[in-house]
Amino acid sequence: MGRKLSCLIVALILSGCIYYGRNFPETPVKSITNNVTTLKEIFVNFGEPDRRGLENGYETWTYSYQYYEIGQLRESKELYVVFDKDNTVKSYSFTSK
């Protein structure tokens, strides 16, 4: 009985769509400028980050989104932002698939 249940769960996962994170717009990424764009502007454009952290004493925000279909990754993107002490963007990276 346990094996049948496990197979059913695996089949449901592989047959459906799975989303991780919250989708966010890519267009505003092009307007991010180091030492100019503010924390508030990032928040307005992308909302609450998925994760907050610290890197060498600087606040970091991470936005990530993944979409899986039939067990395969179909779409993925991540925006990682490091803020300077004056709450402007110190650096950022954006990756997508």
PDB file of N, CA and C in Angstrom:
ATOM      1  N   MET A   1       0.819  -1.195   0.000  1.00  0.00           N
ATOM      2  CA  MET A   1       0.000   0.000   0.000  1.00  0.00           C
ATOM      3  C   MET A   1       0.863   1.259   0.000  1.00  0.00           C
ATOM      4  N   GLY A   2       1.936   1.277   0.778  1.00  0.00           N
ATOM      5  CA  GLY A   2       2.822   2.437   0.852  1.00  0.00           C
ATOM      6  C   GLY A   2       3.510   2.717  -0.468  1.00  0.00           C
ATOM      7  N   ARG A   3       3.877   1.651  -1.182  1.00  0.00           N
ATOM      8  CA  ARG A   3       4.529   1.804  -2.490  1.00  0.00           C
ATOM      9  C   ARG A   3       3.574   2.427  -3.505  1.00  0.00           C
ATOM     10  N   LYS A   4       2.318   2.028  -3.471  1.00  0.00           N
ATOM     11  CA  LYS A   4       1.319   2.570  -4.400  1.00  0.00           C
ATOM     12  C   LYS A   4       1.101   4.061  -4.141  1.00  0.00           C
ATOM     13  N   LEU A   5       1.056   4.424  -2.882  1.00  0.00           N
ATOM     14  CA  LEU A   5       0.880   5.835  -2.519  1.00  0.00           C
ATOM     15  C   LEU A   5       2.072   6.660  -2.966  1.00  0.00           C
ATOM     16  N   SER A   6       3.271   6.138  -2.765  1.00  0.00           N
ATOM     17  CA  SER A   6       4.487   6.836  -3.197  1.00  0.00           C
ATOM     18  C   SER A   6       4.491   7.030  -4.708  1.00  0.00           C
ATOM     19  N   CYS A   7       4.128   5.996  -5.444  1.00  0.00           N
ATOM     20  CA  CYS A   7       4.076   6.097  -6.914  1.00  0.00           C
ATOM     21  C   CYS A   7       3.038   7.114  -7.352  1.00  0.00           C
ATOM     22  N   LEU A   8       1.902   7.156  -6.665  1.00  0.00           N
ATOM     23  CA  LEU A   8       0.859   8.124  -7.001  1.00  0.00           C
ATOM     24  C   LEU A   8       1.343   9.553  -6.773  1.00  0.00           C
ATOM     25  N   ILE A   9       2.020   9.794  -5.675  1.00  0.00           N
ATOM     26  CA  ILE A   9       2.533  11.132  -5.369  1.00  0.00           C
ATOM     27  C   ILE A   9       3.568  11.557  -6.408  1.00  0.00           C
ATOM     28  N   VAL A  10       4.473  10.668  -6.755  1.00  0.00           N
ATOM     29  CA  VAL A  10       5.490  10.968  -7.770  1.00  0.00           C
ATOM     30  C   VAL A  10       4.820  11.258  -9.109  1.00  0.00           C
ATOM     31  N   ALA A  11       3.831  10.477  -9.488  1.00  0.00           N
ATOM     32  CA  ALA A  11       3.120  10.679 -10.756  1.00  0.00           C
ATOM     33  C   ALA A  11       2.421  12.036 -10.783  1.00  0.00           C
ATOM     34  N   LEU A  12       1.819  12.428  -9.672  1.00  0.00           N
ATOM     35  CA  LEU A  12       1.147  13.734  -9.613  1.00  0.00           C
ATOM     36  C   LEU A  12       2.144  14.883  -9.752  1.00  0.00           C
ATOM     37  N   ILE A  13       3.269  14.742  -9.097  1.00  0.00           N
ATOM     38  CA  ILE A  13       4.293  15.793  -9.174  1.00  0.00           C
ATOM     39  C   ILE A  13       4.832  15.915 -10.589  1.00  0.00           C
ATOM     40  N   LEU A  14       5.132  14.793 -11.211  1.00  0.00           N
ATOM     41  CA  LEU A  14       5.725  14.815 -12.548  1.00  0.00           C
ATOM     42  C   LEU A  14       4.734  15.227 -13.630  1.00  0.00           C
ATOM     43  N   SER A  15       3.460  15.052 -13.381  1.00  0.00           N
ATOM     44  CA  SER A  15       2.481  15.376 -14.410  1.00  0.00           C
ATOM     45  C   SER A  15       1.994  16.821 -14.333  1.00  0.00           C
ATOM     46  N   GLY A  16       2.271  17.505 -13.263  1.00  0.00           N
ATOM     47  CA  GLY A  16       1.744  18.842 -13.078  1.00  0.00           C
ATOM     48  C   GLY A  16       2.787  19.929 -13.221  1.00  0.00           C
ATOM     49  N   CYS A  17       2.352  21.135 -12.953  1.00  0.00           N
ATOM     50  CA  CYS A  17       3.216  22.316 -12.995  1.00  0.00           C
ATOM     51  C   CYS A  17       3.538  22.719 -11.559  1.00  0.00           C
ATOM     52  N   ILE A  18       4.769  23.084 -11.341  1.00  0.00           N
ATOM     53  CA  ILE A  18       5.194  23.511 -10.015  1.00  0.00           C
ATOM     54  C   ILE A  18       5.861  24.878 -10.139  1.00  0.00           C
ATOM     55  N   TYR A  19       5.448  25.799  -9.292  1.00  0.00           N
ATOM     56  CA  TYR A  19       6.036  27.133  -9.248  1.00  0.00           C
ATOM     57  C   TYR A  19       6.775  27.291  -7.932  1.00  0.00           C
ATOM     58  N   TYR A  20       7.958  27.896  -7.991  1.00  0.00           N
ATOM     59  CA  TYR A  20       8.703  28.216  -6.781  1.00  0.00           C
ATOM     60  C   TYR A  20       9.013  29.698  -6.825  1.00  0.00           C
ATOM     61  N   GLY A  21       8.739  30.401  -5.740  1.00  0.00           N
ATOM     62  CA  GLY A  21       8.970  31.840  -5.705  1.00  0.00           C
ATOM     63  C   GLY A  21       7.811  32.590  -6.328  1.00  0.00           C
ATOM     64  N   ARG A  22       8.010  33.862  -6.512  1.00  0.00           N
ATOM     65  CA  ARG A  22       6.980  34.731  -7.085  1.00  0.00           C
ATOM     66  C   ARG A  22       7.538  35.343  -8.364  1.00  0.00           C
ATOM     67  N   ASN A  23       6.784  35.223  -9.443  1.00  0.00           N
ATOM     68  CA  ASN A  23       7.233  35.796 -10.712  1.00  0.00           C
ATOM     69  C   ASN A  23       7.373  37.314 -10.569  1.00  0.00           C
ATOM     70  N   PHE A  24       8.381  37.866 -11.191  1.00  0.00           N
ATOM     71  CA  PHE A  24       8.613  39.309 -11.116  1.00  0.00           C
ATOM     72  C   PHE A  24       8.963  39.840 -12.500  1.00  0.00           C
ATOM     73  N   PRO A  25       8.695  41.129 -12.753  1.00  0.00           N
ATOM     74  CA  PRO A  25       8.948  41.701 -14.078  1.00  0.00           C
ATOM     75  C   PRO A  25      10.445  41.833 -14.362  1.00  0.00           C
ATOM     76  N   GLU A  26      10.829  41.561 -15.606  1.00  0.00           N
ATOM     77  CA  GLU A  26      12.238  41.673 -15.998  1.00  0.00           C
ATOM     78  C   GLU A  26      12.590  43.071 -16.509  1.00  0.00           C
ATOM     79  N   THR A  27      11.636  43.786 -17.058  1.00  0.00           N
ATOM     80  CA  THR A  27      11.892  45.090 -17.675  1.00  0.00           C
ATOM     81  C   THR A  27      12.582  46.079 -16.727  1.00  0.00           C
ATOM     82  N   PRO A  28      12.129  46.220 -15.463  1.00  0.00           N
ATOM     83  CA  PRO A  28      12.798  47.186 -14.574  1.00  0.00           C
ATOM     84  C   PRO A  28      14.262  46.869 -14.276  1.00  0.00           C
ATOM     85  N   VAL A  29      14.686  45.627 -14.503  1.00  0.00           N
ATOM     86  CA  VAL A  29      16.085  45.267 -14.232  1.00  0.00           C
ATOM     87  C   VAL A  29      17.021  46.145 -15.059  1.00  0.00           C
ATOM     88  N   LYS A  30      16.613  46.455 -16.285  1.00  0.00           N
ATOM     89  CA  LYS A  30      17.444  47.270 -17.190  1.00  0.00           C
ATOM     90  C   LYS A  30      17.670  48.683 -16.666  1.00  0.00           C
ATOM     91  N   SER A  31      16.781  49.144 -15.790  1.00  0.00           N
ATOM     92  CA  SER A  31      16.910  50.516 -15.284  1.00  0.00           C
ATOM     93  C   SER A  31      17.694  50.607 -13.973  1.00  0.00           C
ATOM     94  N   ILE A  32      18.122  49.472 -13.423  1.00  0.00           N
ATOM     95  CA  ILE A  32      18.912  49.501 -12.187  1.00  0.00           C
ATOM     96  C   ILE A  32      20.301  50.050 -12.488  1.00  0.00           C
ATOM     97  N   THR A  33      20.705  51.063 -11.715  1.00  0.00           N
ATOM     98  CA  THR A  33      22.016  51.687 -11.882  1.00  0.00           C
ATOM     99  C   THR A  33      22.735  51.693 -10.537  1.00  0.00           C
ATOM    100  N   ASN A  34      23.941  51.150 -10.517  1.00  0.00           N
ATOM    101  CA  ASN A  34      24.726  51.149  -9.283  1.00  0.00           C
ATOM    102  C   ASN A  34      24.938  52.576  -8.783  1.00  0.00           C
ATOM    103  N   ASN A  35      24.855  52.742  -7.461  1.00  0.00           N
ATOM    104  CA  ASN A  35      25.053  54.022  -6.769  1.00  0.00           C
ATOM    105  C   ASN A  35      23.987  55.061  -7.089  1.00  0.00           C
ATOM    106  N   VAL A  36      22.925  54.680  -7.797  1.00  0.00           N
ATOM    107  CA  VAL A  36      21.839  55.616  -8.122  1.00  0.00           C
ATOM    108  C   VAL A  36      20.485  55.064  -7.695  1.00  0.00           C
ATOM    109  N   THR A  37      20.162  53.841  -8.123  1.00  0.00           N
ATOM    110  CA  THR A  37      18.872  53.231  -7.802  1.00  0.00           C
ATOM    111  C   THR A  37      18.783  52.973  -6.300  1.00  0.00           C
ATOM    112  N   THR A  38      17.649  53.322  -5.708  1.00  0.00           N
ATOM    113  CA  THR A  38      17.480  53.198  -4.263  1.00  0.00           C
ATOM    114  C   THR A  38      16.759  51.913  -3.870  1.00  0.00           C
ATOM    115  N   LEU A  39      16.887  51.580  -2.607  1.00  0.00           N
ATOM    116  CA  LEU A  39      16.192  50.437  -2.027  1.00  0.00           C
ATOM    117  C   LEU A  39      14.691  50.587  -2.237  1.00  0.00           C
ATOM    118  N   LYS A  40      14.182  51.789  -2.048  1.00  0.00           N
ATOM    119  CA  LYS A  40      12.748  52.050  -2.219  1.00  0.00           C
ATOM    120  C   LYS A  40      12.313  51.791  -3.665  1.00  0.00           C
ATOM    121  N   GLU A  41      13.127  52.187  -4.638  1.00  0.00           N
ATOM    122  CA  GLU A  41      12.795  51.945  -6.046  1.00  0.00           C
ATOM    123  C   GLU A  41      12.774  50.448  -6.360  1.00  0.00           C
ATOM    124  N   ILE A  42      13.720  49.713  -5.790  1.00  0.00           N
ATOM    125  CA  ILE A  42      13.732  48.257  -5.975  1.00  0.00           C
ATOM    126  C   ILE A  42      12.448  47.663  -5.401  1.00  0.00           C
ATOM    127  N   PHE A  43      12.057  48.117  -4.225  1.00  0.00           N
ATOM    128  CA  PHE A  43      10.838  47.614  -3.592  1.00  0.00           C
ATOM    129  C   PHE A  43       9.602  47.940  -4.432  1.00  0.00           C
ATOM    130  N   VAL A  44       9.527  49.151  -4.946  1.00  0.00           N
ATOM    131  CA  VAL A  44       8.376  49.549  -5.776  1.00  0.00           C
ATOM    132  C   VAL A  44       8.297  48.693  -7.038  1.00  0.00           C
ATOM    133  N   ASN A  45       9.448  48.423  -7.669  1.00  0.00           N
ATOM    134  CA  ASN A  45       9.465  47.670  -8.925  1.00  0.00           C
ATOM    135  C   ASN A  45       9.284  46.162  -8.752  1.00  0.00           C
ATOM    136  N   PHE A  46       9.784  45.612  -7.637  1.00  0.00           N
ATOM    137  CA  PHE A  46       9.799  44.156  -7.499  1.00  0.00           C
ATOM    138  C   PHE A  46       9.055  43.622  -6.283  1.00  0.00           C
ATOM    139  N   GLY A  47       8.680  44.501  -5.362  1.00  0.00           N
ATOM    140  CA  GLY A  47       7.958  44.054  -4.171  1.00  0.00           C
ATOM    141  C   GLY A  47       8.877  43.501  -3.103  1.00  0.00           C
ATOM    142  N   GLU A  48       8.273  42.783  -2.176  1.00  0.00           N
ATOM    143  CA  GLU A  48       9.001  42.172  -1.067  1.00  0.00           C
ATOM    144  C   GLU A  48       9.935  41.081  -1.601  1.00  0.00           C
ATOM    145  N   PRO A  49      11.209  41.088  -1.186  1.00  0.00           N
ATOM    146  CA  PRO A  49      12.130  40.045  -1.669  1.00  0.00           C
ATOM    147  C   PRO A  49      11.796  38.683  -1.078  1.00  0.00           C
ATOM    148  N   ASP A  50      12.205  37.634  -1.786  1.00  0.00           N
ATOM    149  CA  ASP A  50      12.036  36.272  -1.276  1.00  0.00           C
ATOM    150  C   ASP A  50      12.953  36.021  -0.089  1.00  0.00           C
ATOM    151  N   ARG A  51      14.161  36.579  -0.158  1.00  0.00           N
ATOM    152  CA  ARG A  51      15.143  36.414   0.920  1.00  0.00           C
ATOM    153  C   ARG A  51      15.859  37.733   1.160  1.00  0.00           C
ATOM    154  N   ARG A  52      16.183  37.969   2.415  1.00  0.00           N
ATOM    155  CA  ARG A  52      17.026  39.102   2.814  1.00  0.00           C
ATOM    156  C   ARG A  52      18.246  38.535   3.513  1.00  0.00           C
ATOM    157  N   GLY A  53      19.374  39.203   3.346  1.00  0.00           N
ATOM    158  CA  GLY A  53      20.572  38.710   4.002  1.00  0.00           C
ATOM    159  C   GLY A  53      21.622  39.788   4.138  1.00  0.00           C
ATOM    160  N   LEU A  54      22.814  39.370   4.512  1.00  0.00           N
ATOM    161  CA  LEU A  54      23.955  40.275   4.655  1.00  0.00           C
ATOM    162  C   LEU A  54      25.145  39.687   3.909  1.00  0.00           C
ATOM    163  N   GLU A  55      25.861  40.546   3.216  1.00  0.00           N
ATOM    164  CA  GLU A  55      27.099  40.155   2.546  1.00  0.00           C
ATOM    165  C   GLU A  55      28.166  41.176   2.922  1.00  0.00           C
ATOM    166  N   ASN A  56      29.128  40.749   3.712  1.00  0.00           N
ATOM    167  CA  ASN A  56      30.192  41.649   4.190  1.00  0.00           C
ATOM    168  C   ASN A  56      29.633  42.910   4.831  1.00  0.00           C
ATOM    169  N   GLY A  57      28.536  42.779   5.568  1.00  0.00           N
ATOM    170  CA  GLY A  57      27.935  43.903   6.266  1.00  0.00           C
ATOM    171  C   GLY A  57      26.942  44.709   5.441  1.00  0.00           C
ATOM    172  N   TYR A  58      26.744  44.368   4.185  1.00  0.00           N
ATOM    173  CA  TYR A  58      25.807  45.077   3.312  1.00  0.00           C
ATOM    174  C   TYR A  58      24.525  44.263   3.160  1.00  0.00           C
ATOM    175  N   GLU A  59      23.382  44.946   3.222  1.00  0.00           N
ATOM    176  CA  GLU A  59      22.098  44.275   3.077  1.00  0.00           C
ATOM    177  C   GLU A  59      21.932  43.722   1.663  1.00  0.00           C
ATOM    178  N   THR A  60      21.377  42.519   1.559  1.00  0.00           N
ATOM    179  CA  THR A  60      21.115  41.909   0.256  1.00  0.00           C
ATOM    180  C   THR A  60      19.653  41.493   0.156  1.00  0.00           C
ATOM    181  N   TRP A  61      19.119  41.597  -1.049  1.00  0.00           N
ATOM    182  CA  TRP A  61      17.769  41.121  -1.346  1.00  0.00           C
ATOM    183  C   TRP A  61      17.860  40.165  -2.516  1.00  0.00           C
ATOM    184  N   THR A  62      17.096  39.086  -2.447  1.00  0.00           N
ATOM    185  CA  THR A  62      17.063  38.110  -3.532  1.00  0.00           C
ATOM    186  C   THR A  62      15.628  37.876  -3.965  1.00  0.00           C
ATOM    187  N   TYR A  63      15.415  37.957  -5.270  1.00  0.00           N
ATOM    188  CA  TYR A  63      14.135  37.620  -5.891  1.00  0.00           C
ATOM    189  C   TYR A  63      14.386  36.404  -6.773  1.00  0.00           C
ATOM    190  N   SER A  64      13.601  35.358  -6.606  1.00  0.00           N
ATOM    191  CA  SER A  64      13.822  34.177  -7.442  1.00  0.00           C
ATOM    192  C   SER A  64      12.483  33.572  -7.847  1.00  0.00           C
ATOM    193  N   TYR A  65      12.497  32.942  -9.008  1.00  0.00           N
ATOM    194  CA  TYR A  65      11.300  32.322  -9.562  1.00  0.00           C
ATOM    195  C   TYR A  65      11.719  31.145 -10.436  1.00  0.00           C
ATOM    196  N   GLN A  66      11.073  30.014 -10.223  1.00  0.00           N
ATOM    197  CA  GLN A  66      11.289  28.844 -11.064  1.00  0.00           C
ATOM    198  C   GLN A  66       9.936  28.239 -11.411  1.00  0.00           C
ATOM    199  N   TYR A  67       9.825  27.770 -12.647  1.00  0.00           N
ATOM    200  CA  TYR A  67       8.611  27.116 -13.127  1.00  0.00           C
ATOM    201  C   TYR A  67       8.993  25.770 -13.724  1.00  0.00           C
ATOM    202  N   TYR A  68       8.413  24.721 -13.183  1.00  0.00           N
ATOM    203  CA  TYR A  68       8.666  23.360 -13.650  1.00  0.00           C
ATOM    204  C   TYR A  68       7.402  22.813 -14.293  1.00  0.00           C
ATOM    205  N   GLU A  69       7.582  22.104 -15.376  1.00  0.00           N
ATOM    206  CA  GLU A  69       6.463  21.464 -16.061  1.00  0.00           C
ATOM    207  C   GLU A  69       6.876  20.039 -16.398  1.00  0.00           C
ATOM    208  N   ILE A  70       6.063  19.099 -16.013  1.00  0.00           N
ATOM    209  CA  ILE A  70       6.349  17.679 -16.214  1.00  0.00           C
ATOM    210  C   ILE A  70       7.749  17.339 -15.672  1.00  0.00           C
ATOM    211  N   GLY A  71       8.049  17.898 -14.516  1.00  0.00           N
ATOM    212  CA  GLY A  71       9.304  17.593 -13.850  1.00  0.00           C
ATOM    213  C   GLY A  71      10.540  18.259 -14.416  1.00  0.00           C
ATOM    214  N   GLN A  72      10.377  19.105 -15.432  1.00  0.00           N
ATOM    215  CA  GLN A  72      11.538  19.775 -16.035  1.00  0.00           C
ATOM    216  C   GLN A  72      11.440  21.290 -15.836  1.00  0.00           C
ATOM    217  N   LEU A  73      12.584  21.910 -15.588  1.00  0.00           N
ATOM    218  CA  LEU A  73      12.646  23.357 -15.426  1.00  0.00           C
ATOM    219  C   LEU A  73      12.351  24.034 -16.756  1.00  0.00           C
ATOM    220  N   ARG A  74      11.324  24.868 -16.796  1.00  0.00           N
ATOM    221  CA  ARG A  74      10.936  25.567 -18.018  1.00  0.00           C
ATOM    222  C   ARG A  74      11.346  27.035 -18.000  1.00  0.00           C
ATOM    223  N   GLU A  75      11.303  27.631 -16.826  1.00  0.00           N
ATOM    224  CA  GLU A  75      11.672  29.042 -16.707  1.00  0.00           C
ATOM    225  C   GLU A  75      12.315  29.261 -15.351  1.00  0.00           C
ATOM    226  N   SER A  76      13.364  30.076 -15.339  1.00  0.00           N
ATOM    227  CA  SER A  76      14.058  30.382 -14.096  1.00  0.00           C
ATOM    228  C   SER A  76      14.650  31.775 -14.194  1.00  0.00           C
ATOM    229  N   LYS A  77      14.532  32.529 -13.116  1.00  0.00           N
ATOM    230  CA  LYS A  77      15.193  33.840 -13.068  1.00  0.00           C
ATOM    231  C   LYS A  77      15.476  34.209 -11.622  1.00  0.00           C
ATOM    232  N   GLU A  78      16.559  34.966 -11.458  1.00  0.00           N
ATOM    233  CA  GLU A  78      16.959  35.404 -10.128  1.00  0.00           C
ATOM    234  C   GLU A  78      17.584  36.793 -10.212  1.00  0.00           C
ATOM    235  N   LEU A  79      17.170  37.648  -9.303  1.00  0.00           N
ATOM    236  CA  LEU A  79      17.743  38.986  -9.158  1.00  0.00           C
ATOM    237  C   LEU A  79      18.333  39.060  -7.757  1.00  0.00           C
ATOM    238  N   TYR A  80      19.622  39.377  -7.693  1.00  0.00           N
ATOM    239  CA  TYR A  80      20.341  39.482  -6.423  1.00  0.00           C
ATOM    240  C   TYR A  80      20.871  40.906  -6.317  1.00  0.00           C
ATOM    241  N   VAL A  81      20.464  41.621  -5.269  1.00  0.00           N
ATOM    242  CA  VAL A  81      20.812  43.034  -5.119  1.00  0.00           C
ATOM    243  C   VAL A  81      21.558  43.243  -3.801  1.00  0.00           C
ATOM    244  N   VAL A  82      22.683  43.968  -3.880  1.00  0.00           N
ATOM    245  CA  VAL A  82      23.450  44.345  -2.691  1.00  0.00           C
ATOM    246  C   VAL A  82      23.303  45.851  -2.535  1.00  0.00           C
ATOM    247  N   PHE A  83      22.907  46.287  -1.334  1.00  0.00           N
ATOM    248  CA  PHE A  83      22.704  47.714  -1.069  1.00  0.00           C
ATOM    249  C   PHE A  83      23.872  48.290  -0.284  1.00  0.00           C
ATOM    250  N   ASP A  84      24.253  49.513  -0.637  1.00  0.00           N
ATOM    251  CA  ASP A  84      25.298  50.234   0.076  1.00  0.00           C
ATOM    252  C   ASP A  84      24.713  50.788   1.374  1.00  0.00           C
ATOM    253  N   LYS A  85      25.559  51.357   2.200  1.00  0.00           N
ATOM    254  CA  LYS A  85      25.112  51.901   3.494  1.00  0.00           C
ATOM    255  C   LYS A  85      24.120  53.051   3.335  1.00  0.00           C
ATOM    256  N   ASP A  86      24.127  53.746   2.171  1.00  0.00           N
ATOM    257  CA  ASP A  86      23.186  54.848   1.940  1.00  0.00           C
ATOM    258  C   ASP A  86      21.905  54.382   1.244  1.00  0.00           C
ATOM    259  N   ASN A  87      21.664  53.055   1.249  1.00  0.00           N
ATOM    260  CA  ASN A  87      20.474  52.440   0.659  1.00  0.00           C
ATOM    261  C   ASN A  87      20.356  52.618  -0.856  1.00  0.00           C
ATOM    262  N   THR A  88      21.479  52.767  -1.537  1.00  0.00           N
ATOM    263  CA  THR A  88      21.480  52.698  -2.995  1.00  0.00           C
ATOM    264  C   THR A  88      22.077  51.353  -3.397  1.00  0.00           C
ATOM    265  N   VAL A  89      21.832  50.962  -4.636  1.00  0.00           N
ATOM    266  CA  VAL A  89      22.329  49.680  -5.117  1.00  0.00           C
ATOM    267  C   VAL A  89      23.850  49.734  -5.244  1.00  0.00           C
ATOM    268  N   LYS A  90      24.530  48.873  -4.525  1.00  0.00           N
ATOM    269  CA  LYS A  90      25.991  48.771  -4.609  1.00  0.00           C
ATOM    270  C   LYS A  90      26.360  47.900  -5.815  1.00  0.00           C
ATOM    271  N   SER A  91      25.635  46.779  -5.969  1.00  0.00           N
ATOM    272  CA  SER A  91      25.828  45.885  -7.120  1.00  0.00           C
ATOM    273  C   SER A  91      24.598  44.992  -7.235  1.00  0.00           C
ATOM    274  N   TYR A  92      24.462  44.372  -8.391  1.00  0.00           N
ATOM    275  CA  TYR A  92      23.352  43.439  -8.589  1.00  0.00           C
ATOM    276  C   TYR A  92      23.715  42.460  -9.688  1.00  0.00           C
ATOM    277  N   SER A  93      23.002  41.341  -9.694  1.00  0.00           N
ATOM    278  CA  SER A  93      23.140  40.380 -10.783  1.00  0.00           C
ATOM    279  C   SER A  93      21.757  39.846 -11.127  1.00  0.00           C
ATOM    280  N   PHE A  94      21.564  39.553 -12.391  1.00  0.00           N
ATOM    281  CA  PHE A  94      20.314  39.002 -12.874  1.00  0.00           C
ATOM    282  C   PHE A  94      20.631  37.845 -13.814  1.00  0.00           C
ATOM    283  N   THR A  95      19.986  36.705 -13.558  1.00  0.00           N
ATOM    284  CA  THR A  95      20.147  35.553 -14.443  1.00  0.00           C
ATOM    285  C   THR A  95      18.758  35.035 -14.810  1.00  0.00           C
ATOM    286  N   SER A  96      18.653  34.497 -16.021  1.00  0.00           N
ATOM    287  CA  SER A  96      17.375  33.929 -16.441  1.00  0.00           C
ATOM    288  C   SER A  96      17.605  32.797 -17.428  1.00  0.00           C
ATOM    289  N   LYS A  97      16.606  31.949 -17.505  1.00  0.00           N
ATOM    290  CA  LYS A  97      16.632  30.843 -18.470  1.00  0.00           C
ATOM    291  C   LYS A  97      15.306  30.821 -19.195  1.00  0.00           C
TER     292      LYS A  97
END
